[in-house]
């Protein structure tokens, strides 16, 4: 219940405060969001399978974001930022849909 309350508080705070992202960090925000969604989907799948561990979830959440941002940063430094951004989104998208399929099978037993 605490994570749900934290999510609601975070969304409400974001809507009220309307924070701005510095221009230098804007290319990394979408990748960080997709990486966070991947960790959330993995955490939900693990919870439904009875294997959820908060330490694993927290490290997965943080490292997914950091690694995805680093890959995009590295791509920017090499001059191929958009290609590596696309690759990161594709890989994380595949993981999200795989977790979603597992969640669906767990919930609907189908």
PDB file of N, CA and C in Angstrom:
ATOM      1  N   UNK A   1       0.821  -1.197   0.000  1.00  0.00           N
ATOM      2  CA  UNK A   1       0.000   0.000   0.000  1.00  0.00           C
ATOM      3  C   UNK A   1       0.864   1.260   0.000  1.00  0.00           C
ATOM      4  N   UNK A   2       2.016   1.195   0.674  1.00  0.00           N
ATOM      5  CA  UNK A   2       2.897   2.358   0.739  1.00  0.00           C
ATOM      6  C   UNK A   2       3.391   2.776  -0.649  1.00  0.00           C
ATOM      7  N   UNK A   3       3.771   1.836  -1.544  1.00  0.00           N
ATOM      8  CA  UNK A   3       4.195   2.265  -2.877  1.00  0.00           C
ATOM      9  C   UNK A   3       3.075   2.973  -3.652  1.00  0.00           C
ATOM     10  N   UNK A   4       1.853   2.518  -3.491  1.00  0.00           N
ATOM     11  CA  UNK A   4       0.730   3.158  -4.185  1.00  0.00           C
ATOM     12  C   UNK A   4       0.531   4.584  -3.671  1.00  0.00           C
ATOM     13  N   UNK A   5       0.621   4.749  -2.367  1.00  0.00           N
ATOM     14  CA  UNK A   5       0.488   6.089  -1.788  1.00  0.00           C
ATOM     15  C   UNK A   5       1.620   6.978  -2.281  1.00  0.00           C
ATOM     16  N   UNK A   6       2.843   6.442  -2.322  1.00  0.00           N
ATOM     17  CA  UNK A   6       3.982   7.202  -2.827  1.00  0.00           C
ATOM     18  C   UNK A   6       3.802   7.607  -4.277  1.00  0.00           C
ATOM     19  N   UNK A   7       3.245   6.709  -5.088  1.00  0.00           N
ATOM     20  CA  UNK A   7       2.986   7.018  -6.486  1.00  0.00           C
ATOM     21  C   UNK A   7       1.967   8.133  -6.624  1.00  0.00           C
ATOM     22  N   UNK A   8       0.891   8.038  -5.875  1.00  0.00           N
ATOM     23  CA  UNK A   8      -0.151   9.076  -5.932  1.00  0.00           C
ATOM     24  C   UNK A   8       0.405  10.424  -5.475  1.00  0.00           C
ATOM     25  N   UNK A   9       1.152  10.420  -4.368  1.00  0.00           N
ATOM     26  CA  UNK A   9       1.743  11.672  -3.871  1.00  0.00           C
ATOM     27  C   UNK A   9       2.700  12.252  -4.909  1.00  0.00           C
ATOM     28  N   UNK A  10       3.513  11.405  -5.534  1.00  0.00           N
ATOM     29  CA  UNK A  10       4.451  11.870  -6.554  1.00  0.00           C
ATOM     30  C   UNK A  10       3.758  12.467  -7.765  1.00  0.00           C
ATOM     31  N   UNK A  11       2.697  11.829  -8.231  1.00  0.00           N
ATOM     32  CA  UNK A  11       1.953  12.344  -9.386  1.00  0.00           C
ATOM     33  C   UNK A  11       1.286  13.671  -9.045  1.00  0.00           C
ATOM     34  N   UNK A  12       0.667  13.740  -7.882  1.00  0.00           N
ATOM     35  CA  UNK A  12       0.014  14.991  -7.470  1.00  0.00           C
ATOM     36  C   UNK A  12       1.051  16.105  -7.317  1.00  0.00           C
ATOM     37  N   UNK A  13       2.185  15.800  -6.700  1.00  0.00           N
ATOM     38  CA  UNK A  13       3.239  16.810  -6.535  1.00  0.00           C
ATOM     39  C   UNK A  13       3.746  17.285  -7.893  1.00  0.00           C
ATOM     40  N   UNK A  14       3.903  16.368  -8.837  1.00  0.00           N
ATOM     41  CA  UNK A  14       4.345  16.740 -10.177  1.00  0.00           C
ATOM     42  C   UNK A  14       3.342  17.630 -10.896  1.00  0.00           C
ATOM     43  N   UNK A  15       2.061  17.328 -10.720  1.00  0.00           N
ATOM     44  CA  UNK A  15       1.028  18.148 -11.363  1.00  0.00           C
ATOM     45  C   UNK A  15       0.939  19.536 -10.737  1.00  0.00           C
ATOM     46  N   UNK A  16       1.112  19.615  -9.432  1.00  0.00           N
ATOM     47  CA  UNK A  16       1.012  20.906  -8.749  1.00  0.00           C
ATOM     48  C   UNK A  16       2.267  21.749  -8.969  1.00  0.00           C
ATOM     49  N   UNK A  17       3.436  21.146  -8.781  1.00  0.00           N
ATOM     50  CA  UNK A  17       4.693  21.893  -8.858  1.00  0.00           C
ATOM     51  C   UNK A  17       5.176  22.135 -10.289  1.00  0.00           C
ATOM     52  N   UNK A  18       4.776  21.304 -11.212  1.00  0.00           N
ATOM     53  CA  UNK A  18       5.155  21.385 -12.620  1.00  0.00           C
ATOM     54  C   UNK A  18       6.655  21.656 -12.783  1.00  0.00           C
ATOM     55  N   UNK A  19       7.485  20.691 -12.369  1.00  0.00           N
ATOM     56  CA  UNK A  19       8.929  20.903 -12.458  1.00  0.00           C
ATOM     57  C   UNK A  19       9.392  20.942 -13.920  1.00  0.00           C
ATOM     58  N   UNK A  20      10.487  21.655 -14.156  1.00  0.00           N
ATOM     59  CA  UNK A  20      11.072  21.705 -15.492  1.00  0.00           C
ATOM     60  C   UNK A  20      12.359  20.888 -15.496  1.00  0.00           C
ATOM     61  N   UNK A  21      12.637  20.278 -16.617  1.00  0.00           N
ATOM     62  CA  UNK A  21      13.839  19.478 -16.775  1.00  0.00           C
ATOM     63  C   UNK A  21      14.868  20.324 -17.511  1.00  0.00           C
ATOM     64  N   UNK A  22      16.087  20.409 -16.991  1.00  0.00           N
ATOM     65  CA  UNK A  22      17.116  21.171 -17.701  1.00  0.00           C
ATOM     66  C   UNK A  22      17.334  20.629 -19.113  1.00  0.00           C
ATOM     67  N   UNK A  23      17.655  21.511 -20.022  1.00  0.00           N
ATOM     68  CA  UNK A  23      17.809  21.138 -21.430  1.00  0.00           C
ATOM     69  C   UNK A  23      18.851  20.035 -21.601  1.00  0.00           C
ATOM     70  N   UNK A  24      19.914  20.085 -20.818  1.00  0.00           N
ATOM     71  CA  UNK A  24      20.978  19.087 -20.944  1.00  0.00           C
ATOM     72  C   UNK A  24      20.502  17.686 -20.571  1.00  0.00           C
ATOM     73  N   UNK A  25      19.484  17.591 -19.720  1.00  0.00           N
ATOM     74  CA  UNK A  25      18.995  16.280 -19.284  1.00  0.00           C
ATOM     75  C   UNK A  25      17.782  15.786 -20.066  1.00  0.00           C
ATOM     76  N   UNK A  26      17.214  16.609 -20.913  1.00  0.00           N
ATOM     77  CA  UNK A  26      15.993  16.240 -21.631  1.00  0.00           C
ATOM     78  C   UNK A  26      16.130  14.989 -22.500  1.00  0.00           C
ATOM     79  N   UNK A  27      17.266  14.740 -23.156  1.00  0.00           N
ATOM     80  CA  UNK A  27      17.350  13.500 -23.952  1.00  0.00           C
ATOM     81  C   UNK A  27      17.302  12.232 -23.100  1.00  0.00           C
ATOM     82  N   UNK A  28      17.633  12.352 -21.819  1.00  0.00           N
ATOM     83  CA  UNK A  28      17.715  11.177 -20.959  1.00  0.00           C
ATOM     84  C   UNK A  28      16.405  10.868 -20.245  1.00  0.00           C
ATOM     85  N   UNK A  29      15.523  11.825 -20.149  1.00  0.00           N
ATOM     86  CA  UNK A  29      14.274  11.631 -19.406  1.00  0.00           C
ATOM     87  C   UNK A  29      13.389  10.527 -19.995  1.00  0.00           C
ATOM     88  N   UNK A  30      13.130  10.513 -21.305  1.00  0.00           N
ATOM     89  CA  UNK A  30      12.275   9.429 -21.827  1.00  0.00           C
ATOM     90  C   UNK A  30      12.881   8.046 -21.611  1.00  0.00           C
ATOM     91  N   UNK A  31      14.204   7.948 -21.739  1.00  0.00           N
ATOM     92  CA  UNK A  31      14.867   6.662 -21.539  1.00  0.00           C
ATOM     93  C   UNK A  31      14.748   6.250 -20.070  1.00  0.00           C
ATOM     94  N   UNK A  32      14.911   7.197 -19.170  1.00  0.00           N
ATOM     95  CA  UNK A  32      14.794   6.902 -17.739  1.00  0.00           C
ATOM     96  C   UNK A  32      13.376   6.449 -17.394  1.00  0.00           C
ATOM     97  N   UNK A  33      12.388   7.068 -18.010  1.00  0.00           N
ATOM     98  CA  UNK A  33      10.992   6.689 -17.750  1.00  0.00           C
ATOM     99  C   UNK A  33      10.731   5.266 -18.239  1.00  0.00           C
ATOM    100  N   UNK A  34      11.210   4.932 -19.429  1.00  0.00           N
ATOM    101  CA  UNK A  34      11.008   3.584 -19.963  1.00  0.00           C
ATOM    102  C   UNK A  34      11.746   2.560 -19.094  1.00  0.00           C
ATOM    103  N   UNK A  35      12.945   2.896 -18.646  1.00  0.00           N
ATOM    104  CA  UNK A  35      13.691   1.984 -17.771  1.00  0.00           C
ATOM    105  C   UNK A  35      12.953   1.788 -16.448  1.00  0.00           C
ATOM    106  N   UNK A  36      12.392   2.858 -15.911  1.00  0.00           N
ATOM    107  CA  UNK A  36      11.628   2.751 -14.666  1.00  0.00           C
ATOM    108  C   UNK A  36      10.376   1.905 -14.872  1.00  0.00           C
ATOM    109  N   UNK A  37       9.703   2.078 -15.993  1.00  0.00           N
ATOM    110  CA  UNK A  37       8.514   1.262 -16.289  1.00  0.00           C
ATOM    111  C   UNK A  37       8.882  -0.217 -16.399  1.00  0.00           C
ATOM    112  N   UNK A  38      10.048  -0.505 -16.968  1.00  0.00           N
ATOM    113  CA  UNK A  38      10.511  -1.884 -17.052  1.00  0.00           C
ATOM    114  C   UNK A  38      10.690  -2.471 -15.654  1.00  0.00           C
ATOM    115  N   UNK A  39      11.324  -1.709 -14.761  1.00  0.00           N
ATOM    116  CA  UNK A  39      11.523  -2.192 -13.391  1.00  0.00           C
ATOM    117  C   UNK A  39      10.186  -2.373 -12.676  1.00  0.00           C
ATOM    118  N   UNK A  40       9.254  -1.448 -12.887  1.00  0.00           N
ATOM    119  CA  UNK A  40       7.937  -1.575 -12.255  1.00  0.00           C
ATOM    120  C   UNK A  40       7.188  -2.808 -12.750  1.00  0.00           C
ATOM    121  N   UNK A  41       7.244  -3.045 -14.058  1.00  0.00           N
ATOM    122  CA  UNK A  41       6.576  -4.229 -14.603  1.00  0.00           C
ATOM    123  C   UNK A  41       7.216  -5.504 -14.063  1.00  0.00           C
ATOM    124  N   UNK A  42       8.543  -5.513 -13.959  1.00  0.00           N
ATOM    125  CA  UNK A  42       9.232  -6.673 -13.394  1.00  0.00           C
ATOM    126  C   UNK A  42       8.879  -6.881 -11.927  1.00  0.00           C
ATOM    127  N   UNK A  43       8.756  -5.790 -11.184  1.00  0.00           N
ATOM    128  CA  UNK A  43       8.375  -5.891  -9.776  1.00  0.00           C
ATOM    129  C   UNK A  43       6.966  -6.414  -9.603  1.00  0.00           C
ATOM    130  N   UNK A  44       6.049  -5.954 -10.436  1.00  0.00           N
ATOM    131  CA  UNK A  44       4.669  -6.437 -10.367  1.00  0.00           C
ATOM    132  C   UNK A  44       4.598  -7.919 -10.717  1.00  0.00           C
ATOM    133  N   UNK A  45       5.346  -8.328 -11.751  1.00  0.00           N
ATOM    134  CA  UNK A  45       5.382  -9.743 -12.120  1.00  0.00           C
ATOM    135  C   UNK A  45       5.917 -10.588 -10.969  1.00  0.00           C
ATOM    136  N   UNK A  46       7.018 -10.119 -10.356  1.00  0.00           N
ATOM    137  CA  UNK A  46       7.607 -10.862  -9.239  1.00  0.00           C
ATOM    138  C   UNK A  46       6.643 -10.938  -8.061  1.00  0.00           C
ATOM    139  N   UNK A  47       5.907  -9.856  -7.801  1.00  0.00           N
ATOM    140  CA  UNK A  47       4.936  -9.861  -6.700  1.00  0.00           C
ATOM    141  C   UNK A  47       3.827 -10.862  -6.965  1.00  0.00           C
ATOM    142  N   UNK A  48       3.347 -10.928  -8.200  1.00  0.00           N
ATOM    143  CA  UNK A  48       2.280 -11.880  -8.531  1.00  0.00           C
ATOM    144  C   UNK A  48       2.770 -13.319  -8.464  1.00  0.00           C
ATOM    145  N   UNK A  49       4.074 -13.523  -8.721  1.00  0.00           N
ATOM    146  CA  UNK A  49       4.632 -14.874  -8.657  1.00  0.00           C
ATOM    147  C   UNK A  49       5.107 -15.230  -7.255  1.00  0.00           C
ATOM    148  N   UNK A  50       4.966 -14.294  -6.306  1.00  0.00           N
ATOM    149  CA  UNK A  50       5.365 -14.541  -4.937  1.00  0.00           C
ATOM    150  C   UNK A  50       6.866 -14.519  -4.717  1.00  0.00           C
ATOM    151  N   UNK A  51       7.597 -13.856  -5.605  1.00  0.00           N
ATOM    152  CA  UNK A  51       9.053 -13.821  -5.514  1.00  0.00           C
ATOM    153  C   UNK A  51       9.584 -12.399  -5.316  1.00  0.00           C
ATOM    154  N   UNK A  52       8.743 -11.462  -4.936  1.00  0.00           N
ATOM    155  CA  UNK A  52       9.155 -10.065  -4.837  1.00  0.00           C
ATOM    156  C   UNK A  52      10.127  -9.864  -3.684  1.00  0.00           C
ATOM    157  N   UNK A  53      11.207  -9.141  -3.969  1.00  0.00           N
ATOM    158  CA  UNK A  53      12.179  -8.762  -2.953  1.00  0.00           C
ATOM    159  C   UNK A  53      12.435  -7.272  -3.118  1.00  0.00           C
ATOM    160  N   UNK A  54      12.208  -6.513  -2.061  1.00  0.00           N
ATOM    161  CA  UNK A  54      12.315  -5.065  -2.188  1.00  0.00           C
ATOM    162  C   UNK A  54      13.727  -4.607  -2.525  1.00  0.00           C
ATOM    163  N   UNK A  55      14.738  -5.292  -2.058  1.00  0.00           N
ATOM    164  CA  UNK A  55      16.117  -4.912  -2.404  1.00  0.00           C
ATOM    165  C   UNK A  55      16.395  -5.153  -3.878  1.00  0.00           C
ATOM    166  N   UNK A  56      15.949  -6.275  -4.383  1.00  0.00           N
ATOM    167  CA  UNK A  56      16.132  -6.564  -5.807  1.00  0.00           C
ATOM    168  C   UNK A  56      15.387  -5.525  -6.640  1.00  0.00           C
ATOM    169  N   UNK A  57      14.166  -5.189  -6.229  1.00  0.00           N
ATOM    170  CA  UNK A  57      13.384  -4.200  -6.969  1.00  0.00           C
ATOM    171  C   UNK A  57      14.078  -2.847  -6.973  1.00  0.00           C
ATOM    172  N   UNK A  58      14.532  -2.395  -5.813  1.00  0.00           N
ATOM    173  CA  UNK A  58      15.159  -1.086  -5.718  1.00  0.00           C
ATOM    174  C   UNK A  58      16.443  -1.024  -6.534  1.00  0.00           C
ATOM    175  N   UNK A  59      17.282  -2.041  -6.439  1.00  0.00           N
ATOM    176  CA  UNK A  59      18.521  -2.031  -7.227  1.00  0.00           C
ATOM    177  C   UNK A  59      18.220  -2.145  -8.714  1.00  0.00           C
ATOM    178  N   UNK A  60      17.233  -2.942  -9.077  1.00  0.00           N
ATOM    179  CA  UNK A  60      16.838  -3.050 -10.479  1.00  0.00           C
ATOM    180  C   UNK A  60      16.337  -1.710 -11.000  1.00  0.00           C
ATOM    181  N   UNK A  61      15.502  -1.053 -10.219  1.00  0.00           N
ATOM    182  CA  UNK A  61      14.947   0.246 -10.599  1.00  0.00           C
ATOM    183  C   UNK A  61      16.063   1.259 -10.841  1.00  0.00           C
ATOM    184  N   UNK A  62      16.971   1.382  -9.873  1.00  0.00           N
ATOM    185  CA  UNK A  62      18.041   2.374  -9.983  1.00  0.00           C
ATOM    186  C   UNK A  62      19.037   2.025 -11.086  1.00  0.00           C
ATOM    187  N   UNK A  63      19.458   0.772 -11.144  1.00  0.00           N
ATOM    188  CA  UNK A  63      20.450   0.398 -12.143  1.00  0.00           C
ATOM    189  C   UNK A  63      19.893   0.420 -13.551  1.00  0.00           C
ATOM    190  N   UNK A  64      18.625   0.053 -13.743  1.00  0.00           N
ATOM    191  CA  UNK A  64      18.024   0.167 -15.080  1.00  0.00           C
ATOM    192  C   UNK A  64      18.109   1.605 -15.578  1.00  0.00           C
ATOM    193  N   UNK A  65      17.744   2.539 -14.705  1.00  0.00           N
ATOM    194  CA  UNK A  65      17.765   3.951 -15.088  1.00  0.00           C
ATOM    195  C   UNK A  65      19.197   4.406 -15.363  1.00  0.00           C
ATOM    196  N   UNK A  66      20.117   4.081 -14.472  1.00  0.00           N
ATOM    197  CA  UNK A  66      21.500   4.524 -14.644  1.00  0.00           C
ATOM    198  C   UNK A  66      22.155   3.916 -15.888  1.00  0.00           C
ATOM    199  N   UNK A  67      21.946   2.635 -16.106  1.00  0.00           N
ATOM    200  CA  UNK A  67      22.561   1.985 -17.266  1.00  0.00           C
ATOM    201  C   UNK A  67      21.966   2.511 -18.558  1.00  0.00           C
ATOM    202  N   UNK A  68      20.640   2.668 -18.599  1.00  0.00           N
ATOM    203  CA  UNK A  68      20.008   3.197 -19.812  1.00  0.00           C
ATOM    204  C   UNK A  68      20.495   4.617 -20.097  1.00  0.00           C
ATOM    205  N   UNK A  69      20.575   5.445 -19.062  1.00  0.00           N
ATOM    206  CA  UNK A  69      21.060   6.818 -19.257  1.00  0.00           C
ATOM    207  C   UNK A  69      22.520   6.819 -19.693  1.00  0.00           C
ATOM    208  N   UNK A  70      23.335   5.923 -19.126  1.00  0.00           N
ATOM    209  CA  UNK A  70      24.736   5.858 -19.520  1.00  0.00           C
ATOM    210  C   UNK A  70      24.885   5.436 -20.977  1.00  0.00           C
ATOM    211  N   UNK A  71      24.081   4.481 -21.419  1.00  0.00           N
ATOM    212  CA  UNK A  71      24.153   4.043 -22.815  1.00  0.00           C
ATOM    213  C   UNK A  71      23.801   5.194 -23.749  1.00  0.00           C
ATOM    214  N   UNK A  72      22.770   5.956 -23.403  1.00  0.00           N
ATOM    215  CA  UNK A  72      22.386   7.105 -24.230  1.00  0.00           C
ATOM    216  C   UNK A  72      23.485   8.171 -24.185  1.00  0.00           C
ATOM    217  N   UNK A  73      24.063   8.416 -23.009  1.00  0.00           N
ATOM    218  CA  UNK A  73      25.168   9.371 -22.888  1.00  0.00           C
ATOM    219  C   UNK A  73      26.351   8.928 -23.750  1.00  0.00           C
ATOM    220  N   UNK A  74      26.688   7.651 -23.679  1.00  0.00           N
ATOM    221  CA  UNK A  74      27.783   7.117 -24.479  1.00  0.00           C
ATOM    222  C   UNK A  74      27.495   7.291 -25.970  1.00  0.00           C
ATOM    223  N   UNK A  75      26.251   7.030 -26.358  1.00  0.00           N
ATOM    224  CA  UNK A  75      25.863   7.229 -27.756  1.00  0.00           C
ATOM    225  C   UNK A  75      25.990   8.682 -28.183  1.00  0.00           C
ATOM    226  N   UNK A  76      25.621   9.606 -27.292  1.00  0.00           N
ATOM    227  CA  UNK A  76      25.780  11.034 -27.591  1.00  0.00           C
ATOM    228  C   UNK A  76      27.254  11.386 -27.787  1.00  0.00           C
ATOM    229  N   UNK A  77      28.107  10.825 -26.957  1.00  0.00           N
ATOM    230  CA  UNK A  77      29.538  11.104 -27.066  1.00  0.00           C
ATOM    231  C   UNK A  77      30.125  10.534 -28.348  1.00  0.00           C
ATOM    232  N   UNK A  78      29.596   9.417 -28.810  1.00  0.00           N
ATOM    233  CA  UNK A  78      30.077   8.783 -30.036  1.00  0.00           C
ATOM    234  C   UNK A  78      29.396   9.336 -31.285  1.00  0.00           C
ATOM    235  N   UNK A  79      28.377  10.168 -31.092  1.00  0.00           N
ATOM    236  CA  UNK A  79      27.663  10.738 -32.231  1.00  0.00           C
ATOM    237  C   UNK A  79      26.560   9.859 -32.777  1.00  0.00           C
ATOM    238  N   UNK A  80      26.170   8.837 -32.038  1.00  0.00           N
ATOM    239  CA  UNK A  80      25.100   7.929 -32.470  1.00  0.00           C
ATOM    240  C   UNK A  80      24.031   7.832 -31.386  1.00  0.00           C
ATOM    241  N   UNK A  81      23.758   8.955 -30.722  1.00  0.00           N
ATOM    242  CA  UNK A  81      22.835   8.972 -29.598  1.00  0.00           C
ATOM    243  C   UNK A  81      21.446   8.489 -29.941  1.00  0.00           C
ATOM    244  N   UNK A  82      20.924   8.902 -31.094  1.00  0.00           N
ATOM    245  CA  UNK A  82      19.552   8.512 -31.436  1.00  0.00           C
ATOM    246  C   UNK A  82      19.460   7.016 -31.714  1.00  0.00           C
ATOM    247  N   UNK A  83      20.493   6.437 -32.324  1.00  0.00           N
ATOM    248  CA  UNK A  83      20.458   5.001 -32.595  1.00  0.00           C
ATOM    249  C   UNK A  83      20.513   4.196 -31.296  1.00  0.00           C
ATOM    250  N   UNK A  84      21.368   4.603 -30.371  1.00  0.00           N
ATOM    251  CA  UNK A  84      21.435   3.875 -29.104  1.00  0.00           C
ATOM    252  C   UNK A  84      20.192   4.116 -28.266  1.00  0.00           C
ATOM    253  N   UNK A  85      19.609   5.303 -28.353  1.00  0.00           N
ATOM    254  CA  UNK A  85      18.345   5.559 -27.647  1.00  0.00           C
ATOM    255  C   UNK A  85      17.261   4.621 -28.162  1.00  0.00           C
ATOM    256  N   UNK A  86      17.201   4.475 -29.465  1.00  0.00           N
ATOM    257  CA  UNK A  86      16.217   3.573 -30.065  1.00  0.00           C
ATOM    258  C   UNK A  86      16.458   2.137 -29.625  1.00  0.00           C
ATOM    259  N   UNK A  87      17.728   1.738 -29.594  1.00  0.00           N
ATOM    260  CA  UNK A  87      18.054   0.367 -29.171  1.00  0.00           C
ATOM    261  C   UNK A  87      17.631   0.126 -27.724  1.00  0.00           C
ATOM    262  N   UNK A  88      17.879   1.094 -26.849  1.00  0.00           N
ATOM    263  CA  UNK A  88      17.503   0.955 -25.447  1.00  0.00           C
ATOM    264  C   UNK A  88      15.986   0.849 -25.317  1.00  0.00           C
ATOM    265  N   UNK A  89      15.255   1.689 -26.031  1.00  0.00           N
ATOM    266  CA  UNK A  89      13.795   1.662 -25.957  1.00  0.00           C
ATOM    267  C   UNK A  89      13.255   0.334 -26.484  1.00  0.00           C
ATOM    268  N   UNK A  90      13.845  -0.186 -27.556  1.00  0.00           N
ATOM    269  CA  UNK A  90      13.385  -1.464 -28.108  1.00  0.00           C
ATOM    270  C   UNK A  90      13.627  -2.595 -27.110  1.00  0.00           C
ATOM    271  N   UNK A  91      14.824  -2.655 -26.543  1.00  0.00           N
ATOM    272  CA  UNK A  91      15.130  -3.731 -25.592  1.00  0.00           C
ATOM    273  C   UNK A  91      14.231  -3.640 -24.364  1.00  0.00           C
ATOM    274  N   UNK A  92      14.106  -2.444 -23.790  1.00  0.00           N
ATOM    275  CA  UNK A  92      13.263  -2.298 -22.609  1.00  0.00           C
ATOM    276  C   UNK A  92      11.791  -2.518 -22.957  1.00  0.00           C
ATOM    277  N   UNK A  93      11.373  -2.109 -24.147  1.00  0.00           N
ATOM    278  CA  UNK A  93       9.992  -2.358 -24.579  1.00  0.00           C
ATOM    279  C   UNK A  93       9.701  -3.843 -24.672  1.00  0.00           C
ATOM    280  N   UNK A  94      10.638  -4.604 -25.196  1.00  0.00           N
ATOM    281  CA  UNK A  94      10.461  -6.054 -25.273  1.00  0.00           C
ATOM    282  C   UNK A  94      10.325  -6.641 -23.871  1.00  0.00           C
ATOM    283  N   UNK A  95      11.158  -6.167 -22.947  1.00  0.00           N
ATOM    284  CA  UNK A  95      11.076  -6.659 -21.562  1.00  0.00           C
ATOM    285  C   UNK A  95       9.751  -6.273 -20.917  1.00  0.00           C
ATOM    286  N   UNK A  96       9.280  -5.062 -21.173  1.00  0.00           N
ATOM    287  CA  UNK A  96       8.000  -4.622 -20.600  1.00  0.00           C
ATOM    288  C   UNK A  96       6.869  -5.489 -21.112  1.00  0.00           C
ATOM    289  N   UNK A  97       6.830  -5.741 -22.423  1.00  0.00           N
ATOM    290  CA  UNK A  97       5.758  -6.568 -22.982  1.00  0.00           C
ATOM    291  C   UNK A  97       5.871  -8.018 -22.524  1.00  0.00           C
ATOM    292  N   UNK A  98       7.083  -8.511 -22.327  1.00  0.00           N
ATOM    293  CA  UNK A  98       7.260  -9.863 -21.798  1.00  0.00           C
ATOM    294  C   UNK A  98       6.724  -9.952 -20.374  1.00  0.00           C
ATOM    295  N   UNK A  99       7.047  -8.945 -19.552  1.00  0.00           N
ATOM    296  CA  UNK A  99       6.506  -8.909 -18.189  1.00  0.00           C
ATOM    297  C   UNK A  99       4.987  -8.748 -18.205  1.00  0.00           C
ATOM    298  N   UNK A 100       4.470  -7.933 -19.119  1.00  0.00           N
ATOM    299  CA  UNK A 100       3.022  -7.748 -19.217  1.00  0.00           C
ATOM    300  C   UNK A 100       2.329  -9.062 -19.575  1.00  0.00           C
ATOM    301  N   UNK A 101       2.947  -9.840 -20.468  1.00  0.00           N
ATOM    302  CA  UNK A 101       2.369 -11.136 -20.832  1.00  0.00           C
ATOM    303  C   UNK A 101       2.369 -12.077 -19.625  1.00  0.00           C
ATOM    304  N   UNK A 102       3.433 -12.052 -18.856  1.00  0.00           N
ATOM    305  CA  UNK A 102       3.502 -12.889 -17.656  1.00  0.00           C
ATOM    306  C   UNK A 102       2.475 -12.450 -16.618  1.00  0.00           C
ATOM    307  N   UNK A 103       2.305 -11.149 -16.474  1.00  0.00           N
ATOM    308  CA  UNK A 103       1.297 -10.615 -15.541  1.00  0.00           C
ATOM    309  C   UNK A 103      -0.100 -11.038 -15.983  1.00  0.00           C
ATOM    310  N   UNK A 104      -0.353 -10.934 -17.285  1.00  0.00           N
ATOM    311  CA  UNK A 104      -1.665 -11.337 -17.812  1.00  0.00           C
ATOM    312  C   UNK A 104      -1.918 -12.817 -17.546  1.00  0.00           C
ATOM    313  N   UNK A 105      -0.894 -13.638 -17.781  1.00  0.00           N
ATOM    314  CA  UNK A 105      -1.060 -15.082 -17.518  1.00  0.00           C
ATOM    315  C   UNK A 105      -1.322 -15.350 -16.040  1.00  0.00           C
ATOM    316  N   UNK A 106      -0.657 -14.609 -15.168  1.00  0.00           N
ATOM    317  CA  UNK A 106      -0.871 -14.790 -13.732  1.00  0.00           C
ATOM    318  C   UNK A 106      -2.252 -14.360 -13.296  1.00  0.00           C
ATOM    319  N   UNK A 107      -2.723 -13.250 -13.817  1.00  0.00           N
ATOM    320  CA  UNK A 107      -4.027 -12.723 -13.388  1.00  0.00           C
ATOM    321  C   UNK A 107      -5.173 -13.530 -13.981  1.00  0.00           C
ATOM    322  N   UNK A 108      -5.115 -13.791 -15.290  1.00  0.00           N
ATOM    323  CA  UNK A 108      -6.239 -14.432 -15.985  1.00  0.00           C
ATOM    324  C   UNK A 108      -6.054 -15.924 -16.175  1.00  0.00           C
ATOM    325  N   UNK A 109      -4.929 -16.450 -15.737  1.00  0.00           N
ATOM    326  CA  UNK A 109      -4.633 -17.883 -15.891  1.00  0.00           C
ATOM    327  C   UNK A 109      -4.815 -18.337 -17.325  1.00  0.00           C
ATOM    328  N   UNK A 110      -4.411 -17.454 -18.257  1.00  0.00           N
ATOM    329  CA  UNK A 110      -4.541 -17.786 -19.687  1.00  0.00           C
ATOM    330  C   UNK A 110      -3.273 -17.461 -20.418  1.00  0.00           C
TER     331      UNK A 110
END
